[in-house]
Protein backbone atom coordinates (compact mmCIF):
# COMPACT_ATOMS: atom_id res chain seq x y z
CA MET A 1 96.96 171.30 317.34
CA LYS A 2 93.65 171.68 315.57
CA ASN A 3 95.37 171.63 312.17
CA ASN A 4 97.27 168.52 313.18
CA ASN A 5 94.03 166.69 314.06
CA ILE A 6 92.52 167.72 310.74
CA TYR A 7 95.61 166.38 308.97
CA ILE A 8 95.37 163.00 310.78
CA HIS A 9 91.65 162.80 310.05
CA MET A 10 92.19 163.53 306.34
CA LYS A 11 95.02 160.98 306.22
CA ASN A 12 92.76 158.27 307.68
CA ILE A 13 90.06 159.10 305.14
CA TYR A 14 92.64 158.93 302.36
CA ILE A 15 93.88 155.50 303.56
CA PHE A 16 90.28 154.27 303.83
CA PHE A 17 89.48 155.21 300.22
CA ILE A 18 92.70 153.62 298.98
CA PHE A 19 91.69 150.34 300.67
CA LEU A 20 88.14 150.70 299.32
CA SER A 21 89.28 151.27 295.74
CA LEU A 22 91.76 148.40 295.93
CA SER A 23 89.06 146.14 297.38
CA ILE A 24 86.63 146.96 294.59
CA PHE A 25 89.29 146.28 291.96
CA PHE A 26 90.72 143.16 293.59
CA PHE A 27 87.53 141.39 294.58
CA SER A 28 85.75 142.13 291.33
CA THR A 29 88.49 140.44 289.33
CA ALA A 30 90.11 137.84 291.63
CA GLU A 31 89.47 134.15 291.17
CA LEU A 32 90.09 131.31 293.57
CA LYS A 33 93.68 130.22 293.10
CA ALA A 34 94.67 126.57 292.79
CA LYS A 35 97.93 124.95 291.75
CA PRO A 36 97.62 123.66 288.16
CA PHE A 37 98.72 120.28 286.86
CA HIS A 38 101.68 120.61 284.48
CA ILE A 39 102.25 117.87 281.90
CA LYS A 40 105.55 118.20 280.06
CA ASN A 41 107.34 116.60 277.10
CA ILE A 42 104.28 115.67 275.05
CA GLU A 43 105.76 114.69 271.71
CA ILE A 44 103.64 114.55 268.56
CA SER A 45 104.67 114.05 264.95
CA LYS A 46 102.77 114.14 261.67
CA PRO A 47 103.76 113.95 257.98
CA PHE A 48 103.81 117.36 256.30
CA MET A 49 101.34 117.09 253.38
CA LEU A 50 99.05 119.46 251.50
CA SER A 51 96.30 118.76 254.03
CA PHE A 52 98.60 119.43 256.99
CA ASP A 53 96.90 121.36 259.79
CA LYS A 54 99.01 122.41 262.75
CA ASN A 55 95.90 122.78 264.92
CA GLU A 56 95.14 119.09 264.49
CA VAL A 57 98.61 118.23 265.80
CA ILE A 58 98.17 120.54 268.79
CA ASN A 59 94.75 119.02 269.51
CA GLU A 60 96.29 115.56 269.42
CA GLY A 61 98.86 116.82 271.92
CA PHE A 62 96.07 118.06 274.22
CA LYS A 63 94.47 114.61 274.20
CA LYS A 64 97.77 112.88 274.86
CA ALA A 65 98.54 115.27 277.73
CA PHE A 66 95.11 114.71 279.27
CA PHE A 67 95.46 110.94 279.29
CA GLU A 68 98.97 111.27 280.69
CA LEU A 69 97.42 113.24 283.56
CA ILE A 70 94.72 110.61 284.05
CA TYR A 71 97.34 107.84 284.22
CA LEU A 72 99.22 109.91 286.82
CA ILE A 73 96.36 110.65 289.23
CA VAL A 74 93.72 107.97 288.66
CA ASN A 75 93.77 104.35 289.79
CA SER A 76 94.12 101.88 286.90
CA SER A 77 90.68 100.36 287.55
CA GLU A 78 89.08 103.81 287.07
CA GLN A 79 90.99 104.95 283.99
CA LYS A 80 88.59 103.32 281.52
CA LYS A 81 85.92 105.87 282.53
CA PHE A 82 87.84 108.57 280.67
CA LYS A 83 88.52 106.86 277.34
CA SER A 84 85.56 108.61 275.70
CA THR A 85 86.48 112.11 276.94
CA LYS A 86 85.87 114.57 274.11
CA LEU A 87 88.35 117.16 272.87
CA ASN A 88 86.12 120.10 273.84
CA GLU A 89 85.91 118.73 277.40
CA ILE A 90 89.70 118.46 277.54
CA LYS A 91 90.16 122.00 276.20
CA SER A 92 87.79 123.37 278.86
CA MET A 93 90.22 122.11 281.55
CA ILE A 94 93.37 123.61 280.00
CA ASN A 95 94.86 126.74 281.54
CA SER A 96 97.64 127.24 279.01
CA PHE A 97 100.11 125.41 276.81
CA THR A 98 103.59 126.03 275.47
CA ILE A 99 105.39 124.79 272.38
CA GLU A 100 108.76 123.80 273.78
CA GLU A 101 110.20 122.72 270.43
CA GLU A 102 109.06 122.25 266.86
CA LYS A 103 110.97 121.08 263.80
CA PHE A 104 110.67 119.52 260.34
CA ILE A 105 112.73 116.44 259.52
CA ASN A 106 112.29 114.62 256.20
CA ASP A 107 108.85 116.20 255.63
CA VAL A 108 107.66 115.22 259.10
CA TYR A 109 106.55 117.85 261.61
CA TYR A 110 107.65 117.25 265.22
CA VAL A 111 106.41 119.23 268.21
CA ASN A 112 107.04 119.05 271.96
CA LEU A 113 104.26 120.50 274.11
CA GLY A 114 103.79 121.47 277.73
CA VAL A 115 100.17 121.60 278.86
CA SER A 116 98.85 123.14 282.08
CA PHE A 117 95.49 121.88 283.40
CA ASP A 118 93.24 123.77 285.81
CA LYS A 119 93.26 121.74 289.03
CA LYS A 120 89.74 122.74 290.10
CA LYS A 121 88.20 121.91 286.74
CA VAL A 122 90.00 118.55 286.59
CA PHE A 123 88.78 117.66 290.09
CA GLU A 124 85.23 118.69 289.18
CA TYR A 125 85.36 116.55 286.03
CA LEU A 126 86.66 113.53 287.96
CA GLU A 127 84.07 114.01 290.69
CA ALA A 128 81.31 114.00 288.05
CA LYS A 129 82.64 110.56 287.05
CA ASN A 130 82.60 109.39 290.71
CA THR A 131 86.38 109.20 290.75
CA PHE A 132 88.75 110.45 293.43
CA PRO A 133 92.18 111.63 292.22
CA SER A 134 95.52 111.05 293.91
CA ILE A 135 98.43 113.38 294.55
CA PRO A 136 100.94 112.83 291.70
CA ASP A 137 103.78 112.35 294.17
CA LYS A 138 106.87 110.74 292.65
CA LYS A 139 108.73 108.62 295.19
CA LYS A 140 111.80 106.40 295.42
CA PHE A 141 111.12 102.84 296.62
CA LEU A 142 113.69 100.21 297.46
CA PHE A 143 112.63 97.11 295.52
CA ILE A 144 113.97 93.68 296.50
CA PRO A 145 112.74 90.83 294.28
CA ILE A 146 113.55 87.36 295.65
CA ILE A 147 112.84 84.29 293.53
CA ILE A 148 112.17 81.19 295.62
CA ASP A 149 112.25 77.78 293.98
CA GLU A 150 110.36 75.59 296.44
CA LYS A 151 111.13 72.45 294.49
CA ILE A 152 114.85 72.67 295.24
CA ASN A 153 114.65 74.98 298.29
CA GLU A 154 116.74 77.76 296.73
CA LEU A 155 116.38 81.51 296.56
CA SER A 156 118.08 84.09 294.36
CA ILE A 157 118.24 87.89 294.37
CA PHE A 158 120.92 88.88 291.88
CA SER A 159 122.01 85.98 289.68
CA ASN A 160 119.43 83.82 287.89
CA ASN A 161 116.75 86.36 288.77
CA GLN A 162 114.85 87.45 285.67
CA ILE A 163 112.72 89.91 287.63
CA PHE A 164 115.82 91.65 288.99
CA ASP A 165 117.44 91.75 285.54
CA ASN A 166 114.43 93.17 283.72
CA TRP A 167 112.68 95.28 286.36
CA ASN A 168 113.96 98.70 285.26
CA GLU A 169 114.21 97.97 281.55
CA GLU A 170 110.91 99.67 280.72
CA ASN A 171 109.38 102.53 282.70
CA LYS A 172 106.35 104.50 281.55
CA SER A 173 106.51 108.30 281.78
CA TYR A 174 103.48 108.39 284.10
CA TYR A 175 104.89 105.97 286.68
CA LEU A 176 105.13 107.63 290.08
CA ILE A 177 107.47 105.08 291.67
CA ASP A 178 111.19 105.19 290.97
CA TYR A 179 112.58 101.77 291.90
CA ILE A 180 116.00 101.46 293.54
CA LEU A 181 117.35 97.92 293.22
CA PRO A 182 119.73 96.57 295.89
CA THR A 183 123.43 96.36 295.15
CA GLU A 184 124.85 92.89 294.77
CA ASP A 185 125.95 91.97 298.28
CA LEU A 186 126.87 88.37 299.11
CA GLU A 187 126.32 89.07 302.81
CA ASP A 188 122.69 89.95 302.08
CA LEU A 189 122.29 86.75 300.08
CA ASP A 190 123.77 84.66 302.90
CA LEU A 191 121.51 86.41 305.41
CA LEU A 192 118.38 85.64 303.39
CA LYS A 193 119.43 82.04 302.92
CA SER A 194 119.71 81.72 306.68
CA LYS A 195 116.11 82.99 306.98
CA TYR A 196 114.76 80.65 304.30
CA GLU A 197 112.54 78.55 306.60
CA PHE A 198 110.59 81.57 307.88
CA ILE A 199 111.21 84.10 305.13
CA GLU A 200 107.54 85.07 304.87
CA GLN A 201 107.66 86.30 308.47
CA TYR A 202 111.09 88.00 308.21
CA ASP A 203 111.02 91.84 308.38
CA PHE A 204 114.11 92.46 306.11
CA LYS A 205 115.13 95.47 308.24
CA GLU A 206 118.80 94.48 308.24
CA ILE A 207 118.87 94.95 304.47
CA ILE A 208 116.34 97.80 304.07
CA ASN A 209 118.01 100.03 306.68
CA LYS A 210 121.20 100.16 304.58
CA TYR A 211 119.47 102.28 301.93
CA GLY A 212 117.87 104.98 304.10
CA LEU A 213 114.51 104.87 302.29
CA LYS A 214 111.19 105.01 304.15
CA GLU A 215 109.36 103.26 301.31
CA SER A 216 110.20 99.73 300.18
CA ILE A 217 108.74 96.69 298.48
CA VAL A 218 110.03 93.18 299.07
CA ALA A 219 108.59 90.75 296.51
CA LEU A 220 108.82 87.05 297.40
CA ILE A 221 108.33 85.26 294.08
CA PHE A 222 107.51 81.59 294.65
CA LYS A 223 108.11 79.49 291.54
CA ASP A 224 106.51 76.13 290.80
CA LYS A 225 105.39 74.16 287.76
CA ASP A 226 102.03 75.99 287.58
CA GLY A 227 103.46 79.49 287.52
CA LEU A 228 104.30 82.17 290.09
CA ARG A 229 102.91 83.33 293.41
CA VAL A 230 104.10 86.79 294.45
CA LEU A 231 103.86 87.91 298.05
CA SER A 232 104.59 91.66 298.16
CA ARG A 233 105.57 93.30 301.44
CA ILE A 234 104.89 97.02 300.88
CA THR A 235 106.21 99.46 303.48
CA ILE A 236 105.23 103.15 303.43
CA LYS A 237 106.32 105.26 306.41
CA ASN A 238 106.45 102.20 308.72
CA ASN A 239 103.00 101.02 307.61
CA ILE A 240 103.24 97.49 306.21
CA ASN A 241 100.77 95.88 303.82
CA LEU A 242 100.94 92.37 302.33
CA LYS A 243 99.58 91.58 298.87
CA ASN A 244 99.31 88.19 297.13
CA GLN A 245 99.15 87.73 293.36
CA LEU A 246 98.97 84.55 291.32
CA PHE A 247 100.34 84.31 287.79
CA LYS A 248 99.32 81.01 286.28
CA ASN A 249 101.05 79.27 283.38
CA VAL A 250 103.99 81.67 283.45
CA ASN A 251 107.33 80.44 282.18
CA ILE A 252 109.94 82.41 284.09
CA GLU A 253 112.46 81.75 281.30
CA SER A 254 110.26 83.59 278.77
CA GLU A 255 111.37 87.21 278.46
CA ASP A 256 107.99 88.32 277.08
CA GLN A 257 106.04 86.63 279.89
CA ILE A 258 108.36 88.06 282.55
CA LYS A 259 107.91 91.57 281.10
CA GLU A 260 104.14 91.08 281.31
CA VAL A 261 104.41 89.99 284.96
CA ILE A 262 106.61 93.03 285.71
CA GLU A 263 104.10 95.41 284.10
CA LYS A 264 101.23 93.92 286.12
CA LEU A 265 103.19 94.13 289.36
CA LYS A 266 104.17 97.73 288.68
CA THR A 267 100.50 98.60 288.05
CA ILE A 268 99.55 97.00 291.39
CA TYR A 269 102.26 98.95 293.21
CA GLU A 270 101.35 102.20 291.46
CA ASP A 271 97.70 101.75 292.46
CA TYR A 272 98.66 101.07 296.06
CA TRP A 273 100.79 104.24 296.15
CA LYS A 274 97.96 106.26 294.55
CA ASN A 275 95.43 104.91 297.06
CA SER A 276 97.69 105.99 299.93
CA ASN A 277 97.69 109.54 298.48
CA GLN A 278 94.06 109.76 297.40
CA ILE A 279 92.21 113.06 297.72
CA ASN A 280 88.57 112.92 298.77
CA THR A 281 87.27 115.82 296.67
CA SER A 282 83.76 115.35 298.09
CA ILE A 283 85.12 116.86 301.34
CA LYS A 284 85.27 120.62 300.92
CA LEU A 285 86.25 122.11 304.25
CA ILE A 286 85.96 125.91 304.19
CA LEU A 287 88.44 127.68 306.44
CA THR A 288 88.92 131.37 307.18
CA LEU A 289 92.50 132.19 308.12
CA LYS A 290 93.85 135.48 309.49
CA VAL A 291 97.43 136.41 308.60
CA SER A 292 99.33 139.53 309.61
CA ASN A 293 100.14 141.69 306.58
CA TYR A 294 103.12 143.51 308.12
CA ASP A 295 105.63 141.17 306.47
CA ASN A 296 105.23 140.84 302.68
CA LYS A 297 107.81 138.03 302.49
CA LYS A 298 105.89 136.03 305.09
CA ILE A 299 102.64 136.50 303.18
CA SER A 300 104.29 135.48 299.90
CA LYS A 301 105.79 132.37 301.51
CA PHE A 302 102.44 131.44 303.05
CA GLU A 303 100.66 131.74 299.70
CA ASN A 304 103.39 129.65 298.03
CA ILE A 305 102.75 126.91 300.58
CA LEU A 306 99.02 127.03 299.86
CA ASP A 307 99.88 126.73 296.16
CA GLU A 308 102.09 123.69 296.78
CA THR A 309 99.74 121.86 299.16
CA ASP A 310 97.85 119.35 297.04
CA PHE A 311 94.87 119.03 299.40
CA VAL A 312 94.21 122.77 299.10
CA TYR A 313 91.45 122.84 296.52
CA SER A 314 91.60 126.62 296.16
CA TYR A 315 92.05 129.84 298.13
CA GLN A 316 91.59 133.61 297.87
CA ILE A 317 91.89 136.74 299.99
CA SER A 318 88.30 137.37 301.06
CA SER A 319 89.04 140.67 302.83
CA PHE A 320 91.82 142.70 304.41
CA ASN A 321 92.48 145.69 306.59
CA LYS A 322 95.57 147.62 307.64
CA ASP A 323 96.68 144.79 309.96
CA HIS A 324 95.55 141.48 308.47
CA ASN A 325 94.70 139.52 305.33
CA TYR A 326 91.76 137.13 305.61
CA TYR A 327 92.01 134.00 303.45
CA LYS A 328 89.16 131.76 302.39
CA VAL A 329 90.66 128.28 301.90
CA ILE A 330 88.81 125.25 300.53
CA TYR A 331 90.52 122.08 301.74
CA ASN A 332 89.89 118.47 300.69
CA GLY A 333 90.34 116.97 304.13
CA THR A 334 89.67 117.36 307.83
CA PRO A 335 90.71 120.29 310.07
CA LYS A 336 93.23 118.02 311.80
CA GLU A 337 94.80 117.05 308.45
CA PHE A 338 95.09 120.71 307.46
CA LEU A 339 96.75 121.66 310.75
CA ASN A 340 99.16 118.72 310.50
CA THR A 341 100.09 119.67 306.94
CA MET A 342 100.73 123.28 307.93
CA LYS A 343 102.76 122.12 310.91
CA GLU A 344 105.14 120.37 308.51
CA TYR A 345 105.93 123.86 307.14
CA ASN A 346 106.34 125.26 310.69
CA TYR A 347 103.00 127.08 310.60
CA THR A 348 100.69 126.85 313.61
CA PHE A 349 97.27 128.44 314.12
CA ASP A 350 95.23 129.67 317.05
CA THR A 351 91.97 127.75 316.51
CA GLN A 352 90.02 129.06 319.52
CA ASN A 353 87.82 131.25 317.33
CA LYS A 354 85.90 130.66 314.11
CA ILE A 355 88.61 132.57 312.23
CA TRP A 356 91.95 130.80 312.72
CA SER A 357 94.86 133.12 313.33
CA LEU A 358 98.36 132.31 312.08
CA ARG A 359 100.79 132.52 314.99
């Protein structure tokens, strides 16, 4: 019996020193983890001459990737702040890069890069410029453009609608909204014609519900001799916002002028979507979470969710014992927002104590 107690005692000491040695190793080398920003398909080309320097091409790719990221996560009115960003500043935010493809064609060097940016460093750089980023969330929107000629009291969706015809002709790689145009349905046209007198008050649900999308934009484009007035009805998760834009001296028959109107409208819609997904990086809520370490798959899944949650600024295991891992999480939002986000992944926490315990 005595020997058995000695054995148990020695075993406990052995386990303690294993945990101690692992702790020293882990916490002396671990950094706060944060999901990086990945920018893909950066294509650069340069003539192959005696002065050719591959590093210059790569550096050009870094700059192009950085500005692609800025266009993705920063409102258009704020983007000008970053035009003078220096190469060394950009490089300091890069985690890694990959050369996906490189080739020589007719003495021209072509390269396709993928660049990974450190999320924390990007957020810190933006915050220094008094700019809040947005989640780069790509989303499908139903887009219904309706041209209304008030002079002759007519409206058109499909035929004789230059906005409809040209809307998806040009899409920039950094656009977050993927526009789904309605199919040509004469019943829809007849329905809208019947609502002509009060079309600005109409909710369009009979048409929108056919497509099963939570996000939609209905653009009422009023045409007169002075130009266009566009009333946009933007719906995001049942929240409706109305926006008015005036485009003076626009000839709707001019393809170039219509393309310019389309680009401006898309920028307005992109900014609205970004604003609805903006991250307030000045809020740094520090949470301590306790998670049972008996199930490695559960721990791995939980960490993957922290990686994928955009409002999680960073996280790390601050300590652990034989029963639990303790996570320090920095979150760009309120406690309620964090709990709601976790609930979407079927995770709930006991919040009665200072350390929240995963149920």
